[in-house]
Protein backbone atom coordinates (compact mmCIF):
# COMPACT_ATOMS: atom_id res chain seq x y z
CA MET A 1 68.08 154.37 -59.04
CA ASN A 2 68.36 153.99 -55.70
CA ALA A 3 69.78 150.67 -53.83
CA ALA A 4 66.72 147.91 -52.94
CA PRO A 5 66.95 148.57 -49.16
CA ILE A 6 66.33 144.27 -48.58
CA LEU A 7 68.14 141.97 -50.60
CA TYR A 8 67.82 138.30 -50.24
CA TRP A 9 70.46 135.76 -52.15
CA ARG A 10 69.30 132.32 -51.90
CA GLU A 11 72.09 130.06 -52.55
CA LYS A 12 72.30 127.25 -56.01
CA SER A 13 68.69 128.78 -56.72
CA VAL A 14 67.84 130.35 -60.08
CA ASP A 15 63.52 130.37 -60.17
CA PRO A 16 62.78 133.83 -58.11
CA PRO A 17 59.79 133.24 -55.02
CA GLU A 18 56.50 133.78 -55.59
CA GLY A 19 55.85 137.87 -55.42
CA VAL A 20 59.19 138.68 -56.85
CA GLN A 21 58.51 141.22 -59.97
CA PRO A 22 60.55 141.35 -63.60
CA PHE A 23 63.79 143.30 -62.92
CA THR A 24 64.28 143.09 -59.22
CA SER A 25 65.59 139.63 -59.65
CA LEU A 26 69.75 138.81 -60.70
CA ARG A 27 70.01 134.65 -61.61
CA SER A 28 74.10 133.14 -61.00
CA HIS A 29 74.51 136.28 -59.09
CA PRO A 30 77.72 135.75 -56.43
CA GLY A 31 76.37 136.68 -52.39
CA PRO A 32 76.69 136.29 -48.96
CA GLY A 33 76.96 132.72 -48.56
CA THR A 34 79.69 130.34 -50.97
CA GLY A 35 79.37 129.82 -54.92
CA THR A 36 77.00 131.95 -56.90
CA GLY A 37 72.49 132.41 -56.46
CA LEU A 38 69.60 133.81 -56.65
CA LEU A 39 69.88 137.92 -55.54
CA TYR A 40 66.20 139.19 -55.49
CA SER A 41 64.10 141.85 -53.66
CA MET A 42 60.63 142.29 -53.08
CA PHE A 43 60.72 145.79 -53.12
CA GLY A 44 59.37 145.38 -56.55
CA GLY A 45 56.62 143.37 -55.30
CA LYS A 46 55.40 146.71 -53.10
CA GLY A 47 55.53 149.61 -55.41
CA LYS A 48 58.71 150.71 -55.29
CA ALA A 49 60.15 151.31 -58.35
CA GLY A 50 63.43 152.01 -59.86
CA ILE A 51 65.79 150.10 -57.41
CA VAL A 52 69.08 148.58 -57.60
CA ILE A 53 69.87 145.06 -57.22
CA ALA A 54 73.34 144.27 -56.26
CA TYR A 55 75.93 142.59 -54.25
CA GLU A 56 77.57 144.93 -52.37
CA PRO A 57 78.90 144.08 -49.42
CA GLU A 58 80.40 147.28 -48.22
CA ASN A 59 77.24 149.10 -48.31
CA GLN A 60 75.40 146.27 -46.99
CA ARG A 61 74.52 144.17 -43.77
CA TRP A 62 74.33 140.76 -43.88
CA GLN A 63 72.43 137.89 -42.23
CA GLN A 64 71.76 134.07 -42.58
CA VAL A 65 68.39 132.99 -41.85
CA ASP A 66 68.83 129.62 -42.95
CA ASP A 67 71.28 126.99 -44.62
CA THR A 68 70.92 128.41 -48.21
CA LEU A 69 69.34 132.11 -47.60
CA TRP A 70 70.39 135.15 -46.52
CA ILE A 71 68.73 138.63 -45.71
CA GLY A 72 70.89 141.72 -46.75
CA ALA A 73 69.81 145.35 -45.54
CA ASP A 74 71.58 148.57 -47.32
CA LYS A 75 73.48 150.39 -44.48
CA ASN A 76 71.54 153.64 -45.43
CA ALA A 77 67.88 152.39 -45.74
CA ASN A 78 65.67 154.39 -43.79
CA PRO A 79 62.26 154.07 -42.47
CA GLU A 80 60.24 156.41 -44.98
CA GLN A 81 61.33 153.02 -47.82
CA PHE A 82 59.50 150.93 -45.71
CA ALA A 83 56.48 153.42 -44.76
CA ARG A 84 52.56 152.64 -44.93
CA PRO A 85 50.27 154.89 -46.28
CA LYS A 86 49.31 157.50 -43.50
CA VAL A 87 46.73 159.47 -42.82
CA ASP A 88 47.09 163.09 -41.03
CA ALA A 89 46.40 164.61 -38.03
CA LEU A 90 46.19 161.81 -35.52
CA PRO A 91 48.84 160.91 -32.79
CA VAL A 92 52.24 159.53 -33.52
CA PHE A 93 55.40 159.12 -31.40
CA TRP A 94 58.97 159.03 -33.28
CA VAL A 95 61.25 156.84 -31.64
CA ARG A 96 65.03 156.43 -32.15
CA LEU A 97 65.90 152.83 -33.15
CA GLY A 98 68.87 150.80 -33.02
CA ASP A 99 70.01 152.07 -36.45
CA GLY A 100 70.00 156.01 -35.30
CA ASN A 101 67.05 156.48 -37.46
CA GLN A 102 63.46 157.93 -36.27
CA TRP A 103 61.11 156.12 -36.52
CA SER A 104 56.92 156.52 -36.40
CA ILE A 105 55.09 154.66 -33.29
CA PRO A 106 51.52 154.90 -33.47
CA VAL A 107 49.31 155.53 -30.20
CA ILE A 108 47.81 152.11 -29.84
CA ASN A 109 45.98 152.02 -26.41
CA PRO A 110 42.08 151.94 -26.73
CA GLU A 111 41.44 153.17 -23.06
CA ILE A 112 42.81 156.81 -24.03
CA GLU A 113 41.82 159.38 -26.33
CA THR A 114 45.34 159.75 -28.28
CA CYS A 115 44.96 156.14 -29.69
CA SER A 116 45.70 156.25 -33.56
CA LEU A 117 43.37 153.45 -34.41
CA PRO A 118 39.59 153.13 -35.04
CA VAL A 119 38.08 152.66 -31.70
CA VAL A 120 34.54 152.01 -30.26
CA GLU A 121 32.16 151.47 -27.26
CA VAL A 122 31.17 148.21 -26.79
CA LEU A 123 29.30 146.54 -23.81
CA LYS A 124 30.76 143.60 -21.71
CA ARG A 125 29.15 142.31 -18.97
CA GLY A 126 27.33 144.85 -18.47
CA VAL A 127 30.29 147.63 -18.43
CA TRP A 128 31.17 149.76 -21.05
CA GLY A 129 34.84 149.77 -22.73
CA ASN A 130 37.38 151.17 -25.51
CA GLU A 131 38.08 148.29 -28.24
CA VAL A 132 39.77 148.79 -31.19
CA ILE A 133 38.22 147.49 -34.17
CA GLY A 134 39.81 146.51 -37.90
CA LYS A 135 42.49 144.18 -38.37
CA PHE A 136 44.86 145.45 -35.26
CA SER A 137 42.24 144.56 -32.83
CA ASP A 138 44.45 142.07 -31.30
CA ILE A 139 47.63 144.01 -30.71
CA ALA A 140 45.84 146.61 -29.45
CA ASN A 141 43.77 143.84 -27.07
CA ARG A 142 47.24 143.06 -25.77
CA CYS A 143 48.05 146.73 -25.48
CA ALA A 144 44.83 147.18 -23.07
CA GLU A 145 45.45 144.80 -20.66
CA ILE A 146 49.09 146.02 -20.25
CA HIS A 147 47.25 149.78 -19.84
CA GLY A 148 45.92 148.39 -15.82
CA LYS A 149 48.82 147.37 -14.95
CA LEU A 150 49.91 150.42 -15.60
CA VAL A 151 47.56 152.59 -13.88
CA ALA A 152 47.68 150.33 -10.96
CA GLY A 153 51.45 150.93 -11.18
CA ILE A 154 51.21 154.77 -11.39
CA LEU A 155 48.70 154.58 -8.35
CA ASP A 156 50.75 152.63 -6.02
CA ALA A 157 53.86 154.19 -6.92
CA LEU A 158 52.16 157.58 -5.88
CA LYS A 159 50.59 155.82 -2.46
CA GLN A 160 54.00 155.15 -1.92
CA GLY A 161 55.83 158.65 -2.62
CA VAL A 162 58.12 157.44 -5.31
CA ASP A 163 58.71 157.78 -8.67
CA PHE A 164 56.85 155.65 -11.45
CA GLU A 165 59.68 153.84 -13.34
CA GLY A 166 57.84 152.52 -16.44
CA LEU A 167 56.44 149.89 -17.62
CA PRO A 168 55.93 146.67 -14.86
CA ASP A 169 57.68 143.91 -15.42
CA TYR A 170 56.78 142.42 -18.11
CA PRO A 171 58.54 138.68 -19.93
CA LYS A 172 61.49 140.23 -22.49
CA GLU A 173 59.75 137.94 -25.05
CA LYS A 174 56.32 139.34 -24.79
CA MET A 175 58.37 142.88 -24.67
CA ARG A 176 59.87 142.19 -27.89
CA GLN A 177 57.17 140.63 -30.40
CA LEU A 178 54.80 143.66 -29.10
CA ALA A 179 57.07 145.87 -30.39
CA ILE A 180 57.67 143.43 -33.37
CA ASP A 181 53.73 144.22 -33.96
CA VAL A 182 53.29 148.00 -33.52
CA LEU A 183 56.12 148.16 -35.91
CA ASN A 184 54.77 146.35 -38.51
CA ILE A 185 51.34 148.95 -38.29
CA SER A 186 53.87 151.48 -39.25
CA TYR A 187 55.95 150.15 -41.43
CA ASP A 188 55.69 147.02 -44.36
CA LEU A 189 59.05 144.97 -42.45
CA THR A 190 58.90 141.31 -41.47
CA ALA A 191 60.81 140.76 -38.28
CA GLN A 192 63.87 139.20 -40.01
CA GLU A 193 63.72 142.64 -41.94
CA MET A 194 63.78 144.48 -38.62
CA SER A 195 67.01 142.55 -37.52
CA VAL A 196 68.92 142.86 -40.07
CA LEU A 197 68.39 146.78 -40.06
CA HIS A 198 69.43 146.70 -36.73
CA LEU A 199 66.26 148.24 -35.35
CA LEU A 200 65.99 146.26 -31.91
CA ARG A 201 67.76 146.05 -28.72
CA GLU A 202 66.05 146.09 -25.54
CA ASP A 203 66.04 149.59 -24.51
CA ALA A 204 64.40 150.05 -27.98
CA TYR A 205 61.27 147.75 -27.93
CA PHE A 206 60.76 149.42 -24.06
CA ALA A 207 60.72 152.30 -26.01
CA VAL A 208 58.34 151.33 -28.62
CA VAL A 209 55.53 149.71 -26.10
CA GLU A 210 55.83 152.35 -23.86
CA SER A 211 55.03 154.75 -27.27
CA ALA A 212 52.18 153.09 -27.99
CA MET A 213 51.09 152.51 -24.80
CA ASP A 214 51.08 156.45 -24.00
CA ILE A 215 53.00 156.12 -20.77
CA SER A 216 53.31 159.82 -20.64
CA THR A 217 49.96 160.68 -20.72
CA ILE A 218 48.12 158.14 -18.30
CA VAL A 219 51.16 159.33 -16.19
CA GLU A 220 49.38 162.75 -16.44
CA ILE A 221 45.57 161.26 -16.02
CA VAL A 222 46.68 159.20 -13.00
CA ASN A 223 48.19 162.23 -11.25
CA ASP A 224 45.34 164.67 -12.28
CA MET A 225 42.52 162.29 -11.07
CA GLU A 226 44.93 161.86 -7.77
CA ALA A 227 44.68 165.69 -7.32
CA GLY A 228 40.67 165.62 -7.93
CA GLN A 229 41.33 167.61 -11.41
CA THR A 230 39.99 164.75 -13.45
CA THR A 231 36.46 163.29 -12.88
CA ALA A 232 34.84 161.17 -15.34
CA THR A 233 36.34 160.74 -18.71
CA PRO A 234 39.88 159.44 -18.26
CA PHE A 235 41.02 161.55 -21.45
CA VAL A 236 43.05 164.45 -22.33
CA GLU A 237 44.34 166.40 -25.04
CA THR A 238 46.15 165.16 -28.31
CA PRO A 239 49.68 166.12 -26.69
CA GLY A 240 51.78 167.62 -29.54
CA GLY A 241 49.25 168.85 -31.81
CA GLY A 242 49.48 168.60 -36.06
CA ASN A 243 53.09 168.64 -35.85
CA SER A 244 54.02 165.94 -38.81
CA GLU A 245 57.55 165.77 -37.89
CA PRO A 246 60.07 163.31 -36.12
CA GLY A 247 60.11 164.43 -32.63
CA GLY A 248 56.61 165.27 -32.62
CA LYS A 249 53.64 164.22 -33.01
CA ALA A 250 51.85 162.89 -36.24
CA GLY A 251 50.17 160.89 -38.83
CA GLY A 252 47.57 158.01 -37.99
CA PHE A 253 46.79 154.78 -40.02
CA THR A 254 44.21 153.14 -41.76
CA THR A 255 43.01 149.23 -40.90
């Protein structure tokens, strides 16, 4: 039996919300607020069996969501407890986030061959391009827009003879939301749950987005193009091979 990785506590409430499975809630239970309330976890409804529902403030981190609702995280929660099903041998990066664990970040940039998501060629206004299909098409399209800015920034740095310093100026709020959406491809977590797990900070969400873009491959492609080594398709071999452990690349994701 393992501690529930995420818990909710609703002050003065007795009825569990829709989706909470039997034996994953406790009525009239103490919590981080005043008095008693309903302590529950959604993880029974996510196929997670054998979890312990208990308020243990010394082992948990709690944040208040609104006047009566609190969310808590087990301080020892790990990424595998939230992972969605994977398909082996497609590329991801592993990025250490604010909690100190390494989290799997899929490459979702449709403009390069290392993209983890299903890509098709589409003809738009007489021009062929790549497009992610399925439920993640919107987030992939946002990455495709950044891709053009990255290529332009790298080329400009090469012309000036300076090092490229990463992603161009991009609004912090948009970068945070993009990082949250990227993480949600791999992990069954809401933004509030990511918050209580202490996953995100400014350098972390920049790292997530740079990995999702596979910026190292983009830099390599542009450098090769400038050196005359790349002539046609801007694709490279998938770096990292079939390594399925943190620190390498592995595991693609279903749509």
